[in-house]
Amino acid sequence: MEFDVNKLEWIRKPKKYSITKDKITIVTEPKTDLWQRTYYGFQNDNAPVLQIKSDEKYFSFIVKTEFDSKKRFDQCGID
């Protein structure tokens, strides 16, 4: 399935990113996160979010993450 890059929508656009037909690169800033529920009440909702609506019941995509962990609990991923 090929997606239309014009249908992508940002919530909190990052300072640095690139979007091509075959690749999306997002560089996040330090101390950004999307934690919503923790047992000790921590909440942080300031990371970039890129969305697209799909009518597909099932779909797949490949994600590659790279980061330079500096502190305990540093994480990288996709949600």
C-alpha atoms as a PDB file:
ATOM      1  CA  MET A   1       0.000   0.000   0.000  1.00  0.00           C
ATOM      2  CA  GLU A   2       1.407   3.369  -0.963  1.00  0.00           C
ATOM      3  CA  PHE A   3       0.292   6.344   1.070  1.00  0.00           C
ATOM      4  CA  ASP A   4      -0.365   9.915  -0.002  1.00  0.00           C
ATOM      5  CA  VAL A   5       2.122  12.155   1.835  1.00  0.00           C
ATOM      6  CA  ASN A   6      -0.331  15.046   1.412  1.00  0.00           C
ATOM      7  CA  LYS A   7      -2.702  13.289   3.833  1.00  0.00           C
ATOM      8  CA  LEU A   8      -0.176  13.223   6.674  1.00  0.00           C
ATOM      9  CA  GLU A   9      -1.105  15.433   9.627  1.00  0.00           C
ATOM     10  CA  TRP A  10       1.233  16.783  12.312  1.00  0.00           C
ATOM     11  CA  ILE A  11       0.533  17.227  15.987  1.00  0.00           C
ATOM     12  CA  ARG A  12       3.552  19.139  17.325  1.00  0.00           C
ATOM     13  CA  LYS A  13       5.747  19.276  14.221  1.00  0.00           C
ATOM     14  CA  PRO A  14       9.444  18.681  15.047  1.00  0.00           C
ATOM     15  CA  LYS A  15      12.181  21.173  14.227  1.00  0.00           C
ATOM     16  CA  LYS A  16      13.919  18.645  11.977  1.00  0.00           C
ATOM     17  CA  TYR A  17      12.231  16.121   9.691  1.00  0.00           C
ATOM     18  CA  SER A  18      12.027  14.992   6.064  1.00  0.00           C
ATOM     19  CA  ILE A  19       9.303  13.194   4.148  1.00  0.00           C
ATOM     20  CA  THR A  20       9.751  11.502   0.787  1.00  0.00           C
ATOM     21  CA  LYS A  21       7.669   8.964  -1.099  1.00  0.00           C
ATOM     22  CA  ASP A  22       9.652   6.095   0.460  1.00  0.00           C
ATOM     23  CA  LYS A  23      10.911   7.406   3.792  1.00  0.00           C
ATOM     24  CA  ILE A  24       9.950   9.547   6.771  1.00  0.00           C
ATOM     25  CA  THR A  25      12.717  10.806   9.048  1.00  0.00           C
ATOM     26  CA  ILE A  26      11.863  12.538  12.328  1.00  0.00           C
ATOM     27  CA  VAL A  27      14.524  13.929  14.658  1.00  0.00           C
ATOM     28  CA  THR A  28      13.107  14.499  18.128  1.00  0.00           C
ATOM     29  CA  GLU A  29      14.385  16.958  20.699  1.00  0.00           C
ATOM     30  CA  PRO A  30      15.730  15.859  24.093  1.00  0.00           C
ATOM     31  CA  LYS A  31      13.183  15.501  26.909  1.00  0.00           C
ATOM     32  CA  THR A  32      10.253  14.877  24.565  1.00  0.00           C
ATOM     33  CA  ASP A  33       7.893  12.039  25.390  1.00  0.00           C
ATOM     34  CA  LEU A  34       4.377  10.626  25.080  1.00  0.00           C
ATOM     35  CA  TRP A  35       3.883   9.083  28.534  1.00  0.00           C
ATOM     36  CA  GLN A  36       0.224   9.269  29.550  1.00  0.00           C
ATOM     37  CA  ARG A  37      -0.305   6.856  32.437  1.00  0.00           C
ATOM     38  CA  THR A  38       2.263   5.740  34.977  1.00  0.00           C
ATOM     39  CA  TYR A  39       1.664   4.290  38.413  1.00  0.00           C
ATOM     40  CA  TYR A  40       3.434   7.275  40.016  1.00  0.00           C
ATOM     41  CA  GLY A  41       1.500   9.975  38.134  1.00  0.00           C
ATOM     42  CA  PHE A  42       4.163  11.118  35.651  1.00  0.00           C
ATOM     43  CA  GLN A  43       2.729  12.511  32.438  1.00  0.00           C
ATOM     44  CA  ASN A  44       4.515  14.117  29.511  1.00  0.00           C
ATOM     45  CA  ASP A  45       2.907  14.854  26.159  1.00  0.00           C
ATOM     46  CA  ASN A  46       5.290  16.973  24.113  1.00  0.00           C
ATOM     47  CA  ALA A  47       6.795  14.702  21.433  1.00  0.00           C
ATOM     48  CA  PRO A  48       6.095  15.146  17.718  1.00  0.00           C
ATOM     49  CA  VAL A  49       3.230  13.083  16.285  1.00  0.00           C
ATOM     50  CA  LEU A  50       2.656  12.381  12.585  1.00  0.00           C
ATOM     51  CA  GLN A  51      -0.669  10.775  11.677  1.00  0.00           C
ATOM     52  CA  ILE A  52      -2.530   9.456   8.661  1.00  0.00           C
ATOM     53  CA  LYS A  53      -6.040   8.029   8.475  1.00  0.00           C
ATOM     54  CA  SER A  54      -6.476   4.635   6.836  1.00  0.00           C
ATOM     55  CA  ASP A  55      -9.478   2.575   5.830  1.00  0.00           C
ATOM     56  CA  GLU A  56      -7.263  -0.522   5.688  1.00  0.00           C
ATOM     57  CA  LYS A  57      -8.238  -3.161   8.242  1.00  0.00           C
ATOM     58  CA  TYR A  58      -4.692  -4.582   8.266  1.00  0.00           C
ATOM     59  CA  PHE A  59      -1.480  -2.903   7.245  1.00  0.00           C
ATOM     60  CA  SER A  60       2.223  -3.105   8.008  1.00  0.00           C
ATOM     61  CA  PHE A  61       5.219  -0.829   7.888  1.00  0.00           C
ATOM     62  CA  ILE A  62       8.904  -0.959   8.776  1.00  0.00           C
ATOM     63  CA  VAL A  63      10.407   1.208  11.503  1.00  0.00           C
ATOM     64  CA  LYS A  64      14.090   1.804  12.154  1.00  0.00           C
ATOM     65  CA  THR A  65      15.071   3.814  15.208  1.00  0.00           C
ATOM     66  CA  GLU A  66      18.441   5.238  16.175  1.00  0.00           C
ATOM     67  CA  PHE A  67      19.316   7.124  19.324  1.00  0.00           C
ATOM     68  CA  ASP A  68      22.174   7.868  21.665  1.00  0.00           C
ATOM     69  CA  SER A  69      21.034   6.819  25.137  1.00  0.00           C
ATOM     70  CA  LYS A  70      22.499   9.093  27.803  1.00  0.00           C
ATOM     71  CA  LYS A  71      20.466   8.266  30.935  1.00  0.00           C
ATOM     72  CA  ARG A  72      18.696   5.365  32.557  1.00  0.00           C
ATOM     73  CA  PHE A  73      15.270   4.808  30.999  1.00  0.00           C
ATOM     74  CA  ASP A  74      16.142   6.613  27.749  1.00  0.00           C
ATOM     75  CA  GLN A  75      13.950   4.955  25.128  1.00  0.00           C
ATOM     76  CA  CYS A  76      13.183   5.219  21.467  1.00  0.00           C
ATOM     77  CA  GLY A  77      10.309   3.801  19.491  1.00  0.00           C
ATOM     78  CA  ILE A  78       7.006   4.241  17.784  1.00  0.00           C
ATOM     79  CA  ASP A  79       3.541   4.337  19.246  1.00  0.00           C
END
